[in-house]
Amino acid sequence: MGRTIGIAATLLLVFAAVAGIMLKIMPGPLKDSDYLVIGTVATLATMLALFLIFVRTSGKKSNVFFKRRKKS
């Protein structure tokens, strides 16, 4: 339970940080499409962070993406 809360908090922090950085970087005045781009980039960064967390903390350290078939 604690690990799940930690991962969720980390992902929320990543989303907020990326969205905040994008809001500062984008020149004003912002249109609706600018907010859409900011949300999309922040979501992409959050999903990438989630993927990296799951790959790094997976039980199997070798062959995360590939599964060996039994020879018949």
PDB file of N, CA and C in Angstrom:
ATOM      1  N   MET A   1       0.824  -1.194   0.000  1.00  0.00           N
ATOM      2  CA  MET A   1       0.000   0.000   0.000  1.00  0.00           C
ATOM      3  C   MET A   1       0.870   1.261   0.000  1.00  0.00           C
ATOM      4  N   GLY A   2       1.939   1.256   0.794  1.00  0.00           N
ATOM      5  CA  GLY A   2       2.822   2.419   0.857  1.00  0.00           C
ATOM      6  C   GLY A   2       3.551   2.651  -0.446  1.00  0.00           C
ATOM      7  N   ARG A   3       3.914   1.551  -1.128  1.00  0.00           N
ATOM      8  CA  ARG A   3       4.609   1.676  -2.407  1.00  0.00           C
ATOM      9  C   ARG A   3       3.685   2.306  -3.452  1.00  0.00           C
ATOM     10  N   THR A   4       2.433   1.897  -3.449  1.00  0.00           N
ATOM     11  CA  THR A   4       1.458   2.446  -4.404  1.00  0.00           C
ATOM     12  C   THR A   4       1.247   3.934  -4.174  1.00  0.00           C
ATOM     13  N   ILE A   5       1.152   4.325  -2.927  1.00  0.00           N
ATOM     14  CA  ILE A   5       0.966   5.745  -2.614  1.00  0.00           C
ATOM     15  C   ILE A   5       2.202   6.541  -3.018  1.00  0.00           C
ATOM     16  N   GLY A   6       3.372   5.973  -2.819  1.00  0.00           N
ATOM     17  CA  GLY A   6       4.609   6.640  -3.217  1.00  0.00           C
ATOM     18  C   GLY A   6       4.708   6.828  -4.718  1.00  0.00           C
ATOM     19  N   ILE A   7       4.338   5.792  -5.460  1.00  0.00           N
ATOM     20  CA  ILE A   7       4.358   5.892  -6.923  1.00  0.00           C
ATOM     21  C   ILE A   7       3.344   6.924  -7.401  1.00  0.00           C
ATOM     22  N   ALA A   8       2.147   6.908  -6.814  1.00  0.00           N
ATOM     23  CA  ALA A   8       1.110   7.873  -7.204  1.00  0.00           C
ATOM     24  C   ALA A   8       1.552   9.304  -6.895  1.00  0.00           C
ATOM     25  N   ALA A   9       2.168   9.503  -5.742  1.00  0.00           N
ATOM     26  CA  ALA A   9       2.645  10.845  -5.380  1.00  0.00           C
ATOM     27  C   ALA A   9       3.754  11.301  -6.320  1.00  0.00           C
ATOM     28  N   THR A  10       4.637  10.387  -6.677  1.00  0.00           N
ATOM     29  CA  THR A  10       5.717  10.723  -7.610  1.00  0.00           C
ATOM     30  C   THR A  10       5.161  11.119  -8.970  1.00  0.00           C
ATOM     31  N   LEU A  11       4.191  10.356  -9.451  1.00  0.00           N
ATOM     32  CA  LEU A  11       3.603  10.664 -10.756  1.00  0.00           C
ATOM     33  C   LEU A  11       2.842  11.980 -10.727  1.00  0.00           C
ATOM     34  N   LEU A  12       2.162  12.264  -9.626  1.00  0.00           N
ATOM     35  CA  LEU A  12       1.461  13.544  -9.491  1.00  0.00           C
ATOM     36  C   LEU A  12       2.462  14.700  -9.486  1.00  0.00           C
ATOM     37  N   LEU A  13       3.587  14.498  -8.824  1.00  0.00           N
ATOM     38  CA  LEU A  13       4.631  15.516  -8.795  1.00  0.00           C
ATOM     39  C   LEU A  13       5.227  15.739 -10.177  1.00  0.00           C
ATOM     40  N   VAL A  14       5.442  14.655 -10.922  1.00  0.00           N
ATOM     41  CA  VAL A  14       5.974  14.773 -12.287  1.00  0.00           C
ATOM     42  C   VAL A  14       5.002  15.557 -13.161  1.00  0.00           C
ATOM     43  N   PHE A  15       3.708  15.227 -13.082  1.00  0.00           N
ATOM     44  CA  PHE A  15       2.709  15.933 -13.889  1.00  0.00           C
ATOM     45  C   PHE A  15       2.691  17.420 -13.548  1.00  0.00           C
ATOM     46  N   ALA A  16       2.658  17.732 -12.248  1.00  0.00           N
ATOM     47  CA  ALA A  16       2.597  19.137 -11.828  1.00  0.00           C
ATOM     48  C   ALA A  16       3.855  19.896 -12.235  1.00  0.00           C
ATOM     49  N   ALA A  17       5.008  19.256 -12.111  1.00  0.00           N
ATOM     50  CA  ALA A  17       6.255  19.926 -12.466  1.00  0.00           C
ATOM     51  C   ALA A  17       6.326  20.219 -13.965  1.00  0.00           C
ATOM     52  N   VAL A  18       5.977  19.227 -14.776  1.00  0.00           N
ATOM     53  CA  VAL A  18       6.030  19.429 -16.230  1.00  0.00           C
ATOM     54  C   VAL A  18       4.999  20.472 -16.670  1.00  0.00           C
ATOM     55  N   ALA A  19       3.800  20.402 -16.107  1.00  0.00           N
ATOM     56  CA  ALA A  19       2.774  21.391 -16.464  1.00  0.00           C
ATOM     57  C   ALA A  19       3.198  22.792 -16.025  1.00  0.00           C
ATOM     58  N   GLY A  20       3.785  22.917 -14.845  1.00  0.00           N
ATOM     59  CA  GLY A  20       4.247  24.218 -14.371  1.00  0.00           C
ATOM     60  C   GLY A  20       5.364  24.783 -15.232  1.00  0.00           C
ATOM     61  N   ILE A  21       6.302  23.916 -15.602  1.00  0.00           N
ATOM     62  CA  ILE A  21       7.404  24.361 -16.472  1.00  0.00           C
ATOM     63  C   ILE A  21       6.866  24.800 -17.827  1.00  0.00           C
ATOM     64  N   MET A  22       5.939  24.033 -18.373  1.00  0.00           N
ATOM     65  CA  MET A  22       5.371  24.394 -19.672  1.00  0.00           C
ATOM     66  C   MET A  22       4.588  25.705 -19.602  1.00  0.00           C
ATOM     67  N   LEU A  23       3.884  25.939 -18.498  1.00  0.00           N
ATOM     68  CA  LEU A  23       3.149  27.203 -18.355  1.00  0.00           C
ATOM     69  C   LEU A  23       4.098  28.397 -18.310  1.00  0.00           C
ATOM     70  N   LYS A  24       5.274  28.217 -17.707  1.00  0.00           N
ATOM     71  CA  LYS A  24       6.253  29.306 -17.653  1.00  0.00           C
ATOM     72  C   LYS A  24       6.942  29.516 -18.997  1.00  0.00           C
ATOM     73  N   ILE A  25       7.158  28.423 -19.736  1.00  0.00           N
ATOM     74  CA  ILE A  25       7.900  28.513 -21.001  1.00  0.00           C
ATOM     75  C   ILE A  25       7.042  29.086 -22.128  1.00  0.00           C
ATOM     76  N   MET A  26       5.772  28.674 -22.182  1.00  0.00           N
ATOM     77  CA  MET A  26       4.895  29.093 -23.289  1.00  0.00           C
ATOM     78  C   MET A  26       4.655  30.598 -23.233  1.00  0.00           C
ATOM     79  N   PRO A  27       4.827  31.270 -24.366  1.00  0.00           N
ATOM     80  CA  PRO A  27       4.587  32.718 -24.380  1.00  0.00           C
ATOM     81  C   PRO A  27       3.091  33.024 -24.272  1.00  0.00           C
ATOM     82  N   GLY A  28       2.759  34.074 -23.554  1.00  0.00           N
ATOM     83  CA  GLY A  28       1.356  34.453 -23.368  1.00  0.00           C
ATOM     84  C   GLY A  28       0.905  35.389 -24.455  1.00  0.00           C
ATOM     85  N   PRO A  29      -0.335  35.671 -24.592  1.00  0.00           N
ATOM     86  CA  PRO A  29      -1.470  35.075 -23.870  1.00  0.00           C
ATOM     87  C   PRO A  29      -1.767  33.660 -24.391  1.00  0.00           C
ATOM     88  N   LEU A  30      -2.114  32.801 -23.465  1.00  0.00           N
ATOM     89  CA  LEU A  30      -2.346  31.404 -23.812  1.00  0.00           C
ATOM     90  C   LEU A  30      -3.761  31.197 -24.338  1.00  0.00           C
ATOM     91  N   LYS A  31      -3.858  30.392 -25.383  1.00  0.00           N
ATOM     92  CA  LYS A  31      -5.162  30.029 -25.948  1.00  0.00           C
ATOM     93  C   LYS A  31      -5.547  28.655 -25.419  1.00  0.00           C
ATOM     94  N   ASP A  32      -6.755  28.229 -25.757  1.00  0.00           N
ATOM     95  CA  ASP A  32      -7.224  26.913 -25.320  1.00  0.00           C
ATOM     96  C   ASP A  32      -6.339  25.796 -25.866  1.00  0.00           C
ATOM     97  N   SER A  33      -5.876  25.954 -27.081  1.00  0.00           N
ATOM     98  CA  SER A  33      -5.023  24.918 -27.672  1.00  0.00           C
ATOM     99  C   SER A  33      -3.667  24.834 -26.967  1.00  0.00           C
ATOM    100  N   ASP A  34      -3.191  25.952 -26.417  1.00  0.00           N
ATOM    101  CA  ASP A  34      -1.936  25.922 -25.663  1.00  0.00           C
ATOM    102  C   ASP A  34      -2.086  25.089 -24.393  1.00  0.00           C
ATOM    103  N   TYR A  35      -3.210  25.242 -23.710  1.00  0.00           N
ATOM    104  CA  TYR A  35      -3.465  24.438 -22.517  1.00  0.00           C
ATOM    105  C   TYR A  35      -3.594  22.956 -22.874  1.00  0.00           C
ATOM    106  N   LEU A  36      -4.150  22.676 -24.044  1.00  0.00           N
ATOM    107  CA  LEU A  36      -4.263  21.297 -24.509  1.00  0.00           C
ATOM    108  C   LEU A  36      -2.876  20.699 -24.736  1.00  0.00           C
ATOM    109  N   VAL A  37      -1.979  21.462 -25.337  1.00  0.00           N
ATOM    110  CA  VAL A  37      -0.618  20.994 -25.576  1.00  0.00           C
ATOM    111  C   VAL A  37       0.113  20.781 -24.249  1.00  0.00           C
ATOM    112  N   ILE A  38      -0.047  21.696 -23.315  1.00  0.00           N
ATOM    113  CA  ILE A  38       0.593  21.580 -22.006  1.00  0.00           C
ATOM    114  C   ILE A  38       0.123  20.313 -21.291  1.00  0.00           C
ATOM    115  N   GLY A  39      -1.168  20.065 -21.294  1.00  0.00           N
ATOM    116  CA  GLY A  39      -1.702  18.865 -20.667  1.00  0.00           C
ATOM    117  C   GLY A  39      -1.243  17.595 -21.349  1.00  0.00           C
ATOM    118  N   THR A  40      -1.128  17.638 -22.655  1.00  0.00           N
ATOM    119  CA  THR A  40      -0.674  16.467 -23.410  1.00  0.00           C
ATOM    120  C   THR A  40       0.779  16.146 -23.111  1.00  0.00           C
ATOM    121  N   VAL A  41       1.627  17.158 -23.092  1.00  0.00           N
ATOM    122  CA  VAL A  41       3.046  16.944 -22.805  1.00  0.00           C
ATOM    123  C   VAL A  41       3.233  16.457 -21.371  1.00  0.00           C
ATOM    124  N   ALA A  42       2.477  17.024 -20.435  1.00  0.00           N
ATOM    125  CA  ALA A  42       2.583  16.595 -19.038  1.00  0.00           C
ATOM    126  C   ALA A  42       2.103  15.153 -18.874  1.00  0.00           C
ATOM    127  N   THR A  43       1.049  14.779 -19.572  1.00  0.00           N
ATOM    128  CA  THR A  43       0.563  13.404 -19.518  1.00  0.00           C
ATOM    129  C   THR A  43       1.573  12.444 -20.134  1.00  0.00           C
ATOM    130  N   LEU A  44       2.174  12.829 -21.236  1.00  0.00           N
ATOM    131  CA  LEU A  44       3.195  11.999 -21.877  1.00  0.00           C
ATOM    132  C   LEU A  44       4.380  11.777 -20.933  1.00  0.00           C
ATOM    133  N   ALA A  45       4.830  12.829 -20.275  1.00  0.00           N
ATOM    134  CA  ALA A  45       5.957  12.704 -19.345  1.00  0.00           C
ATOM    135  C   ALA A  45       5.588  11.819 -18.154  1.00  0.00           C
ATOM    136  N   THR A  46       4.353  11.929 -17.679  1.00  0.00           N
ATOM    137  CA  THR A  46       3.897  11.115 -16.557  1.00  0.00           C
ATOM    138  C   THR A  46       3.811   9.648 -16.948  1.00  0.00           C
ATOM    139  N   MET A  47       3.297   9.366 -18.122  1.00  0.00           N
ATOM    140  CA  MET A  47       3.207   7.974 -18.578  1.00  0.00           C
ATOM    141  C   MET A  47       4.600   7.385 -18.818  1.00  0.00           C
ATOM    142  N   LEU A  48       5.527   8.190 -19.304  1.00  0.00           N
ATOM    143  CA  LEU A  48       6.899   7.734 -19.474  1.00  0.00           C
ATOM    144  C   LEU A  48       7.537   7.426 -18.117  1.00  0.00           C
ATOM    145  N   ALA A  49       7.282   8.279 -17.137  1.00  0.00           N
ATOM    146  CA  ALA A  49       7.807   8.037 -15.792  1.00  0.00           C
ATOM    147  C   ALA A  49       7.206   6.762 -15.199  1.00  0.00           C
ATOM    148  N   LEU A  50       5.919   6.533 -15.404  1.00  0.00           N
ATOM    149  CA  LEU A  50       5.276   5.318 -14.911  1.00  0.00           C
ATOM    150  C   LEU A  50       5.879   4.086 -15.565  1.00  0.00           C
ATOM    151  N   PHE A  51       6.103   4.141 -16.857  1.00  0.00           N
ATOM    152  CA  PHE A  51       6.714   3.029 -17.577  1.00  0.00           C
ATOM    153  C   PHE A  51       8.116   2.743 -17.029  1.00  0.00           C
ATOM    154  N   LEU A  52       8.905   3.780 -16.835  1.00  0.00           N
ATOM    155  CA  LEU A  52      10.258   3.595 -16.325  1.00  0.00           C
ATOM    156  C   LEU A  52      10.257   3.055 -14.901  1.00  0.00           C
ATOM    157  N   ILE A  53       9.319   3.500 -14.086  1.00  0.00           N
ATOM    158  CA  ILE A  53       9.211   2.976 -12.721  1.00  0.00           C
ATOM    159  C   ILE A  53       8.873   1.503 -12.748  1.00  0.00           C
ATOM    160  N   PHE A  54       7.947   1.096 -13.575  1.00  0.00           N
ATOM    161  CA  PHE A  54       7.566  -0.311 -13.638  1.00  0.00           C
ATOM    162  C   PHE A  54       8.672  -1.180 -14.201  1.00  0.00           C
ATOM    163  N   VAL A  55       9.422  -0.686 -15.161  1.00  0.00           N
ATOM    164  CA  VAL A  55      10.523  -1.467 -15.713  1.00  0.00           C
ATOM    165  C   VAL A  55      11.632  -1.613 -14.674  1.00  0.00           C
ATOM    166  N   ARG A  56      11.949  -0.530 -13.969  1.00  0.00           N
ATOM    167  CA  ARG A  56      13.041  -0.565 -12.993  1.00  0.00           C
ATOM    168  C   ARG A  56      12.696  -1.398 -11.763  1.00  0.00           C
ATOM    169  N   THR A  57      11.432  -1.452 -11.380  1.00  0.00           N
ATOM    170  CA  THR A  57      11.051  -2.155 -10.156  1.00  0.00           C
ATOM    171  C   THR A  57      10.409  -3.507 -10.421  1.00  0.00           C
ATOM    172  N   SER A  58      10.496  -3.987 -11.639  1.00  0.00           N
ATOM    173  CA  SER A  58       9.888  -5.280 -11.933  1.00  0.00           C
ATOM    174  C   SER A  58      10.655  -6.383 -11.216  1.00  0.00           C
ATOM    175  N   GLY A  59       9.973  -7.459 -10.915  1.00  0.00           N
ATOM    176  CA  GLY A  59      10.590  -8.565 -10.199  1.00  0.00           C
ATOM    177  C   GLY A  59      11.696  -9.219 -10.979  1.00  0.00           C
ATOM    178  N   LYS A  60      11.486  -9.410 -12.253  1.00  0.00           N
ATOM    179  CA  LYS A  60      12.512  -9.999 -13.111  1.00  0.00           C
ATOM    180  C   LYS A  60      13.437  -8.898 -13.598  1.00  0.00           C
ATOM    181  N   LYS A  61      14.699  -9.053 -13.320  1.00  0.00           N
ATOM    182  CA  LYS A  61      15.647  -8.037 -13.776  1.00  0.00           C
ATOM    183  C   LYS A  61      16.099  -8.291 -15.207  1.00  0.00           C
ATOM    184  N   SER A  62      16.063  -9.529 -15.636  1.00  0.00           N
ATOM    185  CA  SER A  62      16.484  -9.826 -17.004  1.00  0.00           C
ATOM    186  C   SER A  62      15.260 -10.179 -17.847  1.00  0.00           C
ATOM    187  N   ASN A  63      15.340  -9.860 -19.086  1.00  0.00           N
ATOM    188  CA  ASN A  63      14.285 -10.173 -20.050  1.00  0.00           C
ATOM    189  C   ASN A  63      12.931  -9.592 -19.647  1.00  0.00           C
ATOM    190  N   VAL A  64      12.909  -8.298 -19.407  1.00  0.00           N
ATOM    191  CA  VAL A  64      11.656  -7.639 -19.034  1.00  0.00           C
ATOM    192  C   VAL A  64      10.691  -7.632 -20.208  1.00  0.00           C
ATOM    193  N   PHE A  65      11.207  -7.448 -21.406  1.00  0.00           N
ATOM    194  CA  PHE A  65      10.349  -7.301 -22.569  1.00  0.00           C
ATOM    195  C   PHE A  65      10.160  -8.576 -23.366  1.00  0.00           C
ATOM    196  N   PHE A  66      11.006  -9.555 -23.143  1.00  0.00           N
ATOM    197  CA  PHE A  66      10.951 -10.766 -23.954  1.00  0.00           C
ATOM    198  C   PHE A  66      10.744 -11.975 -23.056  1.00  0.00           C
ATOM    199  N   LYS A  67      10.017 -12.922 -23.580  1.00  0.00           N
ATOM    200  CA  LYS A  67       9.752 -14.151 -22.851  1.00  0.00           C
ATOM    201  C   LYS A  67      10.292 -15.309 -23.684  1.00  0.00           C
ATOM    202  N   ARG A  68      11.097 -16.139 -23.067  1.00  0.00           N
ATOM    203  CA  ARG A  68      11.646 -17.272 -23.790  1.00  0.00           C
ATOM    204  C   ARG A  68      10.605 -18.361 -23.933  1.00  0.00           C
ATOM    205  N   ARG A  69      10.557 -18.949 -25.099  1.00  0.00           N
ATOM    206  CA  ARG A  69       9.640 -20.059 -25.352  1.00  0.00           C
ATOM    207  C   ARG A  69      10.342 -21.374 -25.024  1.00  0.00           C
ATOM    208  N   LYS A  70       9.563 -22.300 -24.552  1.00  0.00           N
ATOM    209  CA  LYS A  70      10.108 -23.623 -24.289  1.00  0.00           C
ATOM    210  C   LYS A  70      10.312 -24.345 -25.609  1.00  0.00           C
ATOM    211  N   LYS A  71      11.458 -24.965 -25.739  1.00  0.00           N
ATOM    212  CA  LYS A  71      11.731 -25.719 -26.955  1.00  0.00           C
ATOM    213  C   LYS A  71      10.960 -27.025 -26.910  1.00  0.00           C
ATOM    214  N   SER A  72      10.257 -27.313 -27.997  1.00  0.00           N
ATOM    215  CA  SER A  72       9.488 -28.559 -28.014  1.00  0.00           C
ATOM    216  C   SER A  72      10.108 -29.605 -28.898  1.00  0.00           C
TER     217      SER A  72
END
